[in-house]
């Protein structure tokens, strides 16, 4: 077994003291999970796309935040976009793909 870091020890202590309690997801979250599951099972065609490494990292991080595989997140976002239901909301994660403009030197 690997050595626990401070955060993991704190979680384990809280669990052992019974300080953690399970919460049920809200109806909105359940609906979101259901939509993601439905999008996962409606697979008819395979598509290959190329993404920049920073964009893929952001997608994978957002998928982790949402609790789903990144391929499912991509399919869900594309489905929402083509059906006109895409609503953008800010992430709590730092964006890897935001690039700051480079200053040009004098020519």
PDB file of N, CA and C in Angstrom:
ATOM      1  N   UNK A   1       0.850  -1.180   0.000  1.00  0.00           N
ATOM      2  CA  UNK A   1       0.000   0.000   0.000  1.00  0.00           C
ATOM      3  C   UNK A   1       0.893   1.240   0.000  1.00  0.00           C
ATOM      4  N   UNK A   2       0.520   2.213  -0.842  1.00  0.00           N
ATOM      5  CA  UNK A   2       1.338   3.420  -0.908  1.00  0.00           C
ATOM      6  C   UNK A   2       1.137   4.288   0.335  1.00  0.00           C
ATOM      7  N   UNK A   3       2.108   5.121   0.587  1.00  0.00           N
ATOM      8  CA  UNK A   3       2.048   6.019   1.738  1.00  0.00           C
ATOM      9  C   UNK A   3       1.042   7.134   1.460  1.00  0.00           C
ATOM     10  N   UNK A   4       0.214   7.416   2.438  1.00  0.00           N
ATOM     11  CA  UNK A   4      -0.804   8.459   2.284  1.00  0.00           C
ATOM     12  C   UNK A   4      -0.197   9.833   2.487  1.00  0.00           C
ATOM     13  N   UNK A   5      -0.648  10.792   1.645  1.00  0.00           N
ATOM     14  CA  UNK A   5      -0.212  12.167   1.857  1.00  0.00           C
ATOM     15  C   UNK A   5      -1.112  12.801   2.920  1.00  0.00           C
ATOM     16  N   UNK A   6      -0.852  14.047   3.264  1.00  0.00           N
ATOM     17  CA  UNK A   6      -1.581  14.719   4.351  1.00  0.00           C
ATOM     18  C   UNK A   6      -3.081  14.782   4.065  1.00  0.00           C
ATOM     19  N   UNK A   7      -3.450  15.109   2.830  1.00  0.00           N
ATOM     20  CA  UNK A   7      -4.863  15.218   2.468  1.00  0.00           C
ATOM     21  C   UNK A   7      -5.555  13.866   2.585  1.00  0.00           C
ATOM     22  N   UNK A   8      -4.889  12.806   2.095  1.00  0.00           N
ATOM     23  CA  UNK A   8      -5.461  11.469   2.171  1.00  0.00           C
ATOM     24  C   UNK A   8      -5.609  11.010   3.616  1.00  0.00           C
ATOM     25  N   UNK A   9      -4.634  11.332   4.459  1.00  0.00           N
ATOM     26  CA  UNK A   9      -4.729  10.988   5.881  1.00  0.00           C
ATOM     27  C   UNK A   9      -5.917  11.695   6.525  1.00  0.00           C
ATOM     28  N   UNK A  10      -6.092  12.965   6.170  1.00  0.00           N
ATOM     29  CA  UNK A  10      -7.199  13.744   6.712  1.00  0.00           C
ATOM     30  C   UNK A  10      -8.542  13.117   6.310  1.00  0.00           C
ATOM     31  N   UNK A  11      -8.653  12.711   5.044  1.00  0.00           N
ATOM     32  CA  UNK A  11      -9.884  12.055   4.584  1.00  0.00           C
ATOM     33  C   UNK A  11     -10.117  10.732   5.308  1.00  0.00           C
ATOM     34  N   UNK A  12      -9.071   9.947   5.439  1.00  0.00           N
ATOM     35  CA  UNK A  12      -9.193   8.659   6.115  1.00  0.00           C
ATOM     36  C   UNK A  12      -9.611   8.848   7.571  1.00  0.00           C
ATOM     37  N   UNK A  13      -9.011   9.814   8.250  1.00  0.00           N
ATOM     38  CA  UNK A  13      -9.376  10.092   9.646  1.00  0.00           C
ATOM     39  C   UNK A  13     -10.848  10.500   9.753  1.00  0.00           C
ATOM     40  N   UNK A  14     -11.284  11.379   8.840  1.00  0.00           N
ATOM     41  CA  UNK A  14     -12.677  11.828   8.862  1.00  0.00           C
ATOM     42  C   UNK A  14     -13.619  10.658   8.610  1.00  0.00           C
ATOM     43  N   UNK A  15     -13.252   9.782   7.681  1.00  0.00           N
ATOM     44  CA  UNK A  15     -14.074   8.600   7.382  1.00  0.00           C
ATOM     45  C   UNK A  15     -14.161   7.689   8.607  1.00  0.00           C
ATOM     46  N   UNK A  16     -13.016   7.415   9.214  1.00  0.00           N
ATOM     47  CA  UNK A  16     -12.995   6.512  10.367  1.00  0.00           C
ATOM     48  C   UNK A  16     -13.750   7.077  11.558  1.00  0.00           C
ATOM     49  N   UNK A  17     -13.826   8.400  11.682  1.00  0.00           N
ATOM     50  CA  UNK A  17     -14.578   9.033  12.777  1.00  0.00           C
ATOM     51  C   UNK A  17     -16.065   9.153  12.440  1.00  0.00           C
ATOM     52  N   UNK A  18     -16.439   8.757  11.222  1.00  0.00           N
ATOM     53  CA  UNK A  18     -17.845   8.854  10.826  1.00  0.00           C
ATOM     54  C   UNK A  18     -18.277  10.262  10.490  1.00  0.00           C
ATOM     55  N   UNK A  19     -17.333  11.138  10.163  1.00  0.00           N
ATOM     56  CA  UNK A  19     -17.659  12.527   9.866  1.00  0.00           C
ATOM     57  C   UNK A  19     -18.115  12.745   8.426  1.00  0.00           C
ATOM     58  N   UNK A  20     -17.907  11.763   7.567  1.00  0.00           N
ATOM     59  CA  UNK A  20     -18.315  11.883   6.171  1.00  0.00           C
ATOM     60  C   UNK A  20     -19.663  11.223   5.997  1.00  0.00           C
ATOM     61  N   UNK A  21     -20.524  11.839   5.201  1.00  0.00           N
ATOM     62  CA  UNK A  21     -21.811  11.220   4.937  1.00  0.00           C
ATOM     63  C   UNK A  21     -22.101  11.276   3.446  1.00  0.00           C
ATOM     64  N   UNK A  22     -22.782  10.272   2.968  1.00  0.00           N
ATOM     65  CA  UNK A  22     -23.129  10.159   1.559  1.00  0.00           C
ATOM     66  C   UNK A  22     -24.265  11.118   1.238  1.00  0.00           C
ATOM     67  N   UNK A  23     -24.215  11.694   0.057  1.00  0.00           N
ATOM     68  CA  UNK A  23     -25.299  12.567  -0.392  1.00  0.00           C
ATOM     69  C   UNK A  23     -25.843  12.023  -1.705  1.00  0.00           C
ATOM     70  N   UNK A  24     -27.126  12.144  -1.880  1.00  0.00           N
ATOM     71  CA  UNK A  24     -27.751  11.714  -3.131  1.00  0.00           C
ATOM     72  C   UNK A  24     -27.660  12.847  -4.135  1.00  0.00           C
ATOM     73  N   UNK A  25     -27.432  12.510  -5.414  1.00  0.00           N
ATOM     74  CA  UNK A  25     -27.370  13.565  -6.422  1.00  0.00           C
ATOM     75  C   UNK A  25     -28.732  14.223  -6.607  1.00  0.00           C
ATOM     76  N   UNK A  26     -28.715  15.493  -6.987  1.00  0.00           N
ATOM     77  CA  UNK A  26     -29.954  16.222  -7.219  1.00  0.00           C
ATOM     78  C   UNK A  26     -30.634  15.699  -8.480  1.00  0.00           C
ATOM     79  N   UNK A  27     -31.888  16.081  -8.669  1.00  0.00           N
ATOM     80  CA  UNK A  27     -32.611  15.657  -9.870  1.00  0.00           C
ATOM     81  C   UNK A  27     -31.919  16.190 -11.119  1.00  0.00           C
ATOM     82  N   UNK A  28     -31.362  17.405 -11.050  1.00  0.00           N
ATOM     83  CA  UNK A  28     -30.667  17.984 -12.201  1.00  0.00           C
ATOM     84  C   UNK A  28     -29.427  17.171 -12.551  1.00  0.00           C
ATOM     85  N   UNK A  29     -28.670  16.766 -11.524  1.00  0.00           N
ATOM     86  CA  UNK A  29     -27.476  15.953 -11.774  1.00  0.00           C
ATOM     87  C   UNK A  29     -27.866  14.586 -12.328  1.00  0.00           C
ATOM     88  N   UNK A  30     -28.925  13.992 -11.789  1.00  0.00           N
ATOM     89  CA  UNK A  30     -29.375  12.702 -12.307  1.00  0.00           C
ATOM     90  C   UNK A  30     -29.775  12.814 -13.775  1.00  0.00           C
ATOM     91  N   UNK A  31     -30.452  13.907 -14.127  1.00  0.00           N
ATOM     92  CA  UNK A  31     -30.845  14.124 -15.523  1.00  0.00           C
ATOM     93  C   UNK A  31     -29.611  14.272 -16.404  1.00  0.00           C
ATOM     94  N   UNK A  32     -28.593  14.964 -15.897  1.00  0.00           N
ATOM     95  CA  UNK A  32     -27.353  15.145 -16.649  1.00  0.00           C
ATOM     96  C   UNK A  32     -26.655  13.802 -16.855  1.00  0.00           C
ATOM     97  N   UNK A  33     -26.610  12.977 -15.813  1.00  0.00           N
ATOM     98  CA  UNK A  33     -25.992  11.661 -15.924  1.00  0.00           C
ATOM     99  C   UNK A  33     -26.769  10.778 -16.910  1.00  0.00           C
ATOM    100  N   UNK A  34     -28.097  10.883 -16.859  1.00  0.00           N
ATOM    101  CA  UNK A  34     -28.925  10.094 -17.771  1.00  0.00           C
ATOM    102  C   UNK A  34     -28.667  10.504 -19.214  1.00  0.00           C
ATOM    103  N   UNK A  35     -28.565  11.811 -19.461  1.00  0.00           N
ATOM    104  CA  UNK A  35     -28.288  12.300 -20.811  1.00  0.00           C
ATOM    105  C   UNK A  35     -26.928  11.816 -21.302  1.00  0.00           C
ATOM    106  N   UNK A  36     -25.940  11.835 -20.416  1.00  0.00           N
ATOM    107  CA  UNK A  36     -24.602  11.354 -20.785  1.00  0.00           C
ATOM    108  C   UNK A  36     -24.634   9.865 -21.098  1.00  0.00           C
ATOM    109  N   UNK A  37     -25.363   9.098 -20.296  1.00  0.00           N
ATOM    110  CA  UNK A  37     -25.467   7.656 -20.537  1.00  0.00           C
ATOM    111  C   UNK A  37     -26.192   7.384 -21.844  1.00  0.00           C
ATOM    112  N   UNK A  38     -27.252   8.128 -22.108  1.00  0.00           N
ATOM    113  CA  UNK A  38     -27.989   7.961 -23.358  1.00  0.00           C
ATOM    114  C   UNK A  38     -27.099   8.274 -24.550  1.00  0.00           C
ATOM    115  N   UNK A  39     -26.345   9.360 -24.455  1.00  0.00           N
ATOM    116  CA  UNK A  39     -25.439   9.737 -25.545  1.00  0.00           C
ATOM    117  C   UNK A  39     -24.376   8.659 -25.757  1.00  0.00           C
ATOM    118  N   UNK A  40     -23.989   7.995 -24.693  1.00  0.00           N
ATOM    119  CA  UNK A  40     -22.981   6.939 -24.786  1.00  0.00           C
ATOM    120  C   UNK A  40     -23.507   5.744 -25.578  1.00  0.00           C
ATOM    121  N   UNK A  41     -24.767   5.407 -25.387  1.00  0.00           N
ATOM    122  CA  UNK A  41     -25.315   4.210 -26.007  1.00  0.00           C
ATOM    123  C   UNK A  41     -25.850   4.437 -27.415  1.00  0.00           C
ATOM    124  N   UNK A  42     -25.966   5.681 -27.843  1.00  0.00           N
ATOM    125  CA  UNK A  42     -26.419   5.966 -29.200  1.00  0.00           C
ATOM    126  C   UNK A  42     -25.188   6.155 -30.067  1.00  0.00           C
ATOM    127  N   UNK A  43     -24.541   5.043 -30.405  1.00  0.00           N
ATOM    128  CA  UNK A  43     -23.323   5.084 -31.204  1.00  0.00           C
ATOM    129  C   UNK A  43     -23.606   4.440 -32.553  1.00  0.00           C
ATOM    130  N   UNK A  44     -23.478   5.227 -33.604  1.00  0.00           N
ATOM    131  CA  UNK A  44     -23.713   4.682 -34.924  1.00  0.00           C
ATOM    132  C   UNK A  44     -22.475   4.763 -35.796  1.00  0.00           C
ATOM    133  N   UNK A  45     -21.701   5.804 -35.680  1.00  0.00           N
ATOM    134  CA  UNK A  45     -20.520   5.995 -36.513  1.00  0.00           C
ATOM    135  C   UNK A  45     -19.323   6.336 -35.649  1.00  0.00           C
ATOM    136  N   UNK A  46     -18.160   5.934 -36.116  1.00  0.00           N
ATOM    137  CA  UNK A  46     -16.911   6.256 -35.437  1.00  0.00           C
ATOM    138  C   UNK A  46     -16.276   7.443 -36.167  1.00  0.00           C
ATOM    139  N   UNK A  47     -15.749   8.396 -35.413  1.00  0.00           N
ATOM    140  CA  UNK A  47     -15.117   9.582 -35.978  1.00  0.00           C
ATOM    141  C   UNK A  47     -13.751   9.755 -35.331  1.00  0.00           C
ATOM    142  N   UNK A  48     -12.770  10.084 -36.134  1.00  0.00           N
ATOM    143  CA  UNK A  48     -11.439  10.396 -35.615  1.00  0.00           C
ATOM    144  C   UNK A  48     -11.183  11.883 -35.805  1.00  0.00           C
ATOM    145  N   UNK A  49     -10.733  12.538 -34.751  1.00  0.00           N
ATOM    146  CA  UNK A  49     -10.399  13.963 -34.857  1.00  0.00           C
ATOM    147  C   UNK A  49      -9.034  14.192 -34.226  1.00  0.00           C
ATOM    148  N   UNK A  50      -8.393  15.250 -34.642  1.00  0.00           N
ATOM    149  CA  UNK A  50      -7.127  15.647 -34.042  1.00  0.00           C
ATOM    150  C   UNK A  50      -7.382  16.880 -33.183  1.00  0.00           C
ATOM    151  N   UNK A  51      -6.875  16.834 -31.967  1.00  0.00           N
ATOM    152  CA  UNK A  51      -7.010  17.949 -31.038  1.00  0.00           C
ATOM    153  C   UNK A  51      -5.623  18.354 -30.572  1.00  0.00           C
ATOM    154  N   UNK A  52      -5.477  19.617 -30.231  1.00  0.00           N
ATOM    155  CA  UNK A  52      -4.207  20.032 -29.654  1.00  0.00           C
ATOM    156  C   UNK A  52      -4.075  19.391 -28.272  1.00  0.00           C
ATOM    157  N   UNK A  53      -2.863  19.180 -27.848  1.00  0.00           N
ATOM    158  CA  UNK A  53      -2.624  18.571 -26.539  1.00  0.00           C
ATOM    159  C   UNK A  53      -3.258  19.394 -25.418  1.00  0.00           C
ATOM    160  N   UNK A  54      -3.102  20.738 -25.429  1.00  0.00           N
ATOM    161  CA  UNK A  54      -3.746  21.513 -24.352  1.00  0.00           C
ATOM    162  C   UNK A  54      -5.271  21.379 -24.349  1.00  0.00           C
ATOM    163  N   UNK A  55      -5.898  21.366 -25.548  1.00  0.00           N
ATOM    164  CA  UNK A  55      -7.353  21.207 -25.597  1.00  0.00           C
ATOM    165  C   UNK A  55      -7.769  19.844 -25.067  1.00  0.00           C
ATOM    166  N   UNK A  56      -7.045  18.800 -25.445  1.00  0.00           N
ATOM    167  CA  UNK A  56      -7.370  17.460 -24.949  1.00  0.00           C
ATOM    168  C   UNK A  56      -7.206  17.397 -23.436  1.00  0.00           C
ATOM    169  N   UNK A  57      -6.167  18.035 -22.912  1.00  0.00           N
ATOM    170  CA  UNK A  57      -5.974  18.057 -21.459  1.00  0.00           C
ATOM    171  C   UNK A  57      -7.146  18.755 -20.771  1.00  0.00           C
ATOM    172  N   UNK A  58      -7.609  19.854 -21.356  1.00  0.00           N
ATOM    173  CA  UNK A  58      -8.760  20.572 -20.786  1.00  0.00           C
ATOM    174  C   UNK A  58     -10.012  19.703 -20.830  1.00  0.00           C
ATOM    175  N   UNK A  59     -10.213  19.012 -21.950  1.00  0.00           N
ATOM    176  CA  UNK A  59     -11.378  18.140 -22.086  1.00  0.00           C
ATOM    177  C   UNK A  59     -11.319  17.018 -21.062  1.00  0.00           C
ATOM    178  N   UNK A  60     -10.151  16.406 -20.915  1.00  0.00           N
ATOM    179  CA  UNK A  60     -10.013  15.313 -19.946  1.00  0.00           C
ATOM    180  C   UNK A  60     -10.229  15.813 -18.523  1.00  0.00           C
ATOM    181  N   UNK A  61      -9.725  17.005 -18.222  1.00  0.00           N
ATOM    182  CA  UNK A  61      -9.912  17.574 -16.882  1.00  0.00           C
ATOM    183  C   UNK A  61     -11.384  17.873 -16.624  1.00  0.00           C
ATOM    184  N   UNK A  62     -12.061  18.451 -17.619  1.00  0.00           N
ATOM    185  CA  UNK A  62     -13.487  18.758 -17.468  1.00  0.00           C
ATOM    186  C   UNK A  62     -14.287  17.471 -17.310  1.00  0.00           C
ATOM    187  N   UNK A  63     -13.933  16.438 -18.069  1.00  0.00           N
ATOM    188  CA  UNK A  63     -14.635  15.154 -17.960  1.00  0.00           C
ATOM    189  C   UNK A  63     -14.460  14.570 -16.561  1.00  0.00           C
ATOM    190  N   UNK A  64     -13.257  14.684 -16.026  1.00  0.00           N
ATOM    191  CA  UNK A  64     -13.001  14.221 -14.661  1.00  0.00           C
ATOM    192  C   UNK A  64     -13.860  15.007 -13.677  1.00  0.00           C
ATOM    193  N   UNK A  65     -13.939  16.313 -13.893  1.00  0.00           N
ATOM    194  CA  UNK A  65     -14.759  17.182 -13.051  1.00  0.00           C
ATOM    195  C   UNK A  65     -16.235  16.773 -13.127  1.00  0.00           C
ATOM    196  N   UNK A  66     -16.679  16.369 -14.318  1.00  0.00           N
ATOM    197  CA  UNK A  66     -18.073  15.970 -14.527  1.00  0.00           C
ATOM    198  C   UNK A  66     -18.325  14.511 -14.164  1.00  0.00           C
ATOM    199  N   UNK A  67     -17.247  13.742 -13.963  1.00  0.00           N
ATOM    200  CA  UNK A  67     -17.397  12.340 -13.582  1.00  0.00           C
ATOM    201  C   UNK A  67     -17.780  11.422 -14.725  1.00  0.00           C
ATOM    202  N   UNK A  68     -17.206  11.668 -15.901  1.00  0.00           N
ATOM    203  CA  UNK A  68     -17.513  10.819 -17.050  1.00  0.00           C
ATOM    204  C   UNK A  68     -16.273  10.662 -17.926  1.00  0.00           C
ATOM    205  N   UNK A  69     -16.245   9.645 -18.784  1.00  0.00           N
ATOM    206  CA  UNK A  69     -15.123   9.494 -19.703  1.00  0.00           C
ATOM    207  C   UNK A  69     -15.055  10.679 -20.670  1.00  0.00           C
ATOM    208  N   UNK A  70     -13.838  11.059 -21.077  1.00  0.00           N
ATOM    209  CA  UNK A  70     -13.717  12.243 -21.927  1.00  0.00           C
ATOM    210  C   UNK A  70     -14.368  12.050 -23.292  1.00  0.00           C
ATOM    211  N   UNK A  71     -14.382  10.816 -23.820  1.00  0.00           N
ATOM    212  CA  UNK A  71     -15.041  10.576 -25.100  1.00  0.00           C
ATOM    213  C   UNK A  71     -16.548  10.837 -24.989  1.00  0.00           C
ATOM    214  N   UNK A  72     -17.120  10.448 -23.863  1.00  0.00           N
ATOM    215  CA  UNK A  72     -18.540  10.691 -23.620  1.00  0.00           C
ATOM    216  C   UNK A  72     -18.816  12.179 -23.528  1.00  0.00           C
ATOM    217  N   UNK A  73     -17.924  12.916 -22.864  1.00  0.00           N
ATOM    218  CA  UNK A  73     -18.088  14.363 -22.769  1.00  0.00           C
ATOM    219  C   UNK A  73     -18.055  14.998 -24.155  1.00  0.00           C
ATOM    220  N   UNK A  74     -17.101  14.594 -25.000  1.00  0.00           N
ATOM    221  CA  UNK A  74     -17.006  15.144 -26.352  1.00  0.00           C
ATOM    222  C   UNK A  74     -18.294  14.863 -27.123  1.00  0.00           C
ATOM    223  N   UNK A  75     -18.777  13.606 -27.056  1.00  0.00           N
ATOM    224  CA  UNK A  75     -20.005  13.243 -27.764  1.00  0.00           C
ATOM    225  C   UNK A  75     -21.193  14.048 -27.245  1.00  0.00           C
ATOM    226  N   UNK A  76     -21.251  14.234 -25.935  1.00  0.00           N
ATOM    227  CA  UNK A  76     -22.347  14.984 -25.332  1.00  0.00           C
ATOM    228  C   UNK A  76     -22.323  16.444 -25.764  1.00  0.00           C
ATOM    229  N   UNK A  77     -21.141  17.050 -25.754  1.00  0.00           N
ATOM    230  CA  UNK A  77     -21.009  18.454 -26.169  1.00  0.00           C
ATOM    231  C   UNK A  77     -21.411  18.613 -27.631  1.00  0.00           C
ATOM    232  N   UNK A  78     -20.940  17.712 -28.488  1.00  0.00           N
ATOM    233  CA  UNK A  78     -21.299  17.790 -29.908  1.00  0.00           C
ATOM    234  C   UNK A  78     -22.804  17.608 -30.106  1.00  0.00           C
ATOM    235  N   UNK A  79     -23.403  16.669 -29.379  1.00  0.00           N
ATOM    236  CA  UNK A  79     -24.849  16.460 -29.482  1.00  0.00           C
ATOM    237  C   UNK A  79     -25.612  17.710 -29.046  1.00  0.00           C
ATOM    238  N   UNK A  80     -25.197  18.290 -27.931  1.00  0.00           N
ATOM    239  CA  UNK A  80     -25.868  19.505 -27.453  1.00  0.00           C
ATOM    240  C   UNK A  80     -25.701  20.649 -28.449  1.00  0.00           C
ATOM    241  N   UNK A  81     -24.532  20.741 -29.077  1.00  0.00           N
ATOM    242  CA  UNK A  81     -24.285  21.801 -30.046  1.00  0.00           C
ATOM    243  C   UNK A  81     -25.210  21.656 -31.255  1.00  0.00           C
ATOM    244  N   UNK A  82     -25.266  20.455 -31.836  1.00  0.00           N
ATOM    245  CA  UNK A  82     -26.080  20.282 -33.038  1.00  0.00           C
ATOM    246  C   UNK A  82     -27.575  20.345 -32.740  1.00  0.00           C
ATOM    247  N   UNK A  83     -27.977  20.064 -31.495  1.00  0.00           N
ATOM    248  CA  UNK A  83     -29.395  20.150 -31.144  1.00  0.00           C
ATOM    249  C   UNK A  83     -29.767  21.529 -30.594  1.00  0.00           C
ATOM    250  N   UNK A  84     -28.791  22.448 -30.555  1.00  0.00           N
ATOM    251  CA  UNK A  84     -29.072  23.813 -30.106  1.00  0.00           C
ATOM    252  C   UNK A  84     -29.221  23.960 -28.604  1.00  0.00           C
ATOM    253  N   UNK A  85     -28.758  22.993 -27.839  1.00  0.00           N
ATOM    254  CA  UNK A  85     -28.911  23.043 -26.385  1.00  0.00           C
ATOM    255  C   UNK A  85     -27.609  23.298 -25.645  1.00  0.00           C
ATOM    256  N   UNK A  86     -26.571  23.692 -26.363  1.00  0.00           N
ATOM    257  CA  UNK A  86     -25.279  23.915 -25.717  1.00  0.00           C
ATOM    258  C   UNK A  86     -25.319  25.211 -24.922  1.00  0.00           C
ATOM    259  N   UNK A  87     -25.116  25.098 -23.626  1.00  0.00           N
ATOM    260  CA  UNK A  87     -25.068  26.246 -22.735  1.00  0.00           C
ATOM    261  C   UNK A  87     -23.697  26.257 -22.102  1.00  0.00           C
ATOM    262  N   UNK A  88     -22.955  27.331 -22.315  1.00  0.00           N
ATOM    263  CA  UNK A  88     -21.592  27.399 -21.814  1.00  0.00           C
ATOM    264  C   UNK A  88     -21.582  27.832 -20.352  1.00  0.00           C
ATOM    265  N   UNK A  89     -20.806  27.124 -19.548  1.00  0.00           N
ATOM    266  CA  UNK A  89     -20.631  27.509 -18.151  1.00  0.00           C
ATOM    267  C   UNK A  89     -19.144  27.441 -17.830  1.00  0.00           C
ATOM    268  N   UNK A  90     -18.651  28.361 -17.007  1.00  0.00           N
ATOM    269  CA  UNK A  90     -17.214  28.385 -16.713  1.00  0.00           C
ATOM    270  C   UNK A  90     -16.800  27.198 -15.856  1.00  0.00           C
ATOM    271  N   UNK A  91     -15.586  26.741 -16.080  1.00  0.00           N
ATOM    272  CA  UNK A  91     -15.024  25.636 -15.317  1.00  0.00           C
ATOM    273  C   UNK A  91     -14.274  26.185 -14.112  1.00  0.00           C
ATOM    274  N   UNK A  92     -14.166  25.374 -13.085  1.00  0.00           N
ATOM    275  CA  UNK A  92     -13.365  25.769 -11.923  1.00  0.00           C
ATOM    276  C   UNK A  92     -11.898  25.437 -12.151  1.00  0.00           C
ATOM    277  N   UNK A  93     -11.612  24.782 -13.285  1.00  0.00           N
ATOM    278  CA  UNK A  93     -10.248  24.379 -13.584  1.00  0.00           C
ATOM    279  C   UNK A  93      -9.504  25.477 -14.334  1.00  0.00           C
ATOM    280  N   UNK A  94      -8.190  25.461 -14.234  1.00  0.00           N
ATOM    281  CA  UNK A  94      -7.357  26.382 -14.995  1.00  0.00           C
ATOM    282  C   UNK A  94      -7.287  25.876 -16.420  1.00  0.00           C
ATOM    283  N   UNK A  95      -7.423  26.757 -17.369  1.00  0.00           N
ATOM    284  CA  UNK A  95      -7.377  26.371 -18.771  1.00  0.00           C
ATOM    285  C   UNK A  95      -5.938  26.193 -19.209  1.00  0.00           C
ATOM    286  N   UNK A  96      -5.626  25.024 -19.787  1.00  0.00           N
ATOM    287  CA  UNK A  96      -4.308  24.770 -20.350  1.00  0.00           C
ATOM    288  C   UNK A  96      -4.186  25.385 -21.733  1.00  0.00           C
ATOM    289  N   UNK A  97      -5.317  25.521 -22.419  1.00  0.00           N
ATOM    290  CA  UNK A  97      -5.262  25.915 -23.814  1.00  0.00           C
ATOM    291  C   UNK A  97      -5.286  27.427 -24.015  1.00  0.00           C
ATOM    292  N   UNK A  98      -5.415  28.184 -22.946  1.00  0.00           N
ATOM    293  CA  UNK A  98      -5.391  29.639 -23.097  1.00  0.00           C
ATOM    294  C   UNK A  98      -3.944  30.062 -23.298  1.00  0.00           C
ATOM    295  N   UNK A  99      -3.722  30.665 -24.411  1.00  0.00           N
ATOM    296  CA  UNK A  99      -2.364  31.085 -24.733  1.00  0.00           C
ATOM    297  C   UNK A  99      -2.278  32.598 -24.635  1.00  0.00           C
ATOM    298  N   UNK A 100      -1.256  33.091 -23.989  1.00  0.00           N
ATOM    299  CA  UNK A 100      -1.078  34.534 -23.907  1.00  0.00           C
ATOM    300  C   UNK A 100      -0.372  34.999 -25.167  1.00  0.00           C
ATOM    301  N   UNK A 101      -0.780  36.147 -25.703  1.00  0.00           N
ATOM    302  CA  UNK A 101      -0.170  36.634 -26.923  1.00  0.00           C
ATOM    303  C   UNK A 101       1.321  36.885 -26.728  1.00  0.00           C
ATOM    304  N   UNK A 102       2.099  36.499 -27.705  1.00  0.00           N
ATOM    305  CA  UNK A 102       3.544  36.718 -27.662  1.00  0.00           C
ATOM    306  C   UNK A 102       3.839  38.114 -28.208  1.00  0.00           C
ATOM    307  N   UNK A 103       4.702  38.837 -27.521  1.00  0.00           N
ATOM    308  CA  UNK A 103       5.086  40.160 -27.995  1.00  0.00           C
ATOM    309  C   UNK A 103       6.078  39.983 -29.127  1.00  0.00           C
ATOM    310  N   UNK A 104       5.875  40.750 -30.183  1.00  0.00           N
ATOM    311  CA  UNK A 104       6.791  40.686 -31.311  1.00  0.00           C
ATOM    312  C   UNK A 104       7.918  41.679 -31.108  1.00  0.00           C
ATOM    313  N   UNK A 105       9.099  41.266 -31.495  1.00  0.00           N
ATOM    314  CA  UNK A 105      10.243  42.162 -31.434  1.00  0.00           C
ATOM    315  C   UNK A 105      10.212  43.132 -32.596  1.00  0.00           C
ATOM    316  N   UNK A 106      10.968  44.168 -32.531  1.00  0.00           N
ATOM    317  CA  UNK A 106      11.018  45.154 -33.604  1.00  0.00           C
ATOM    318  C   UNK A 106      11.660  44.514 -34.830  1.00  0.00           C
ATOM    319  N   UNK A 107      11.039  44.713 -36.001  1.00  0.00           N
ATOM    320  CA  UNK A 107      11.569  44.134 -37.246  1.00  0.00           C
ATOM    321  C   UNK A 107      12.568  45.031 -37.894  1.00  0.00           C
TER     322      UNK A 107
END
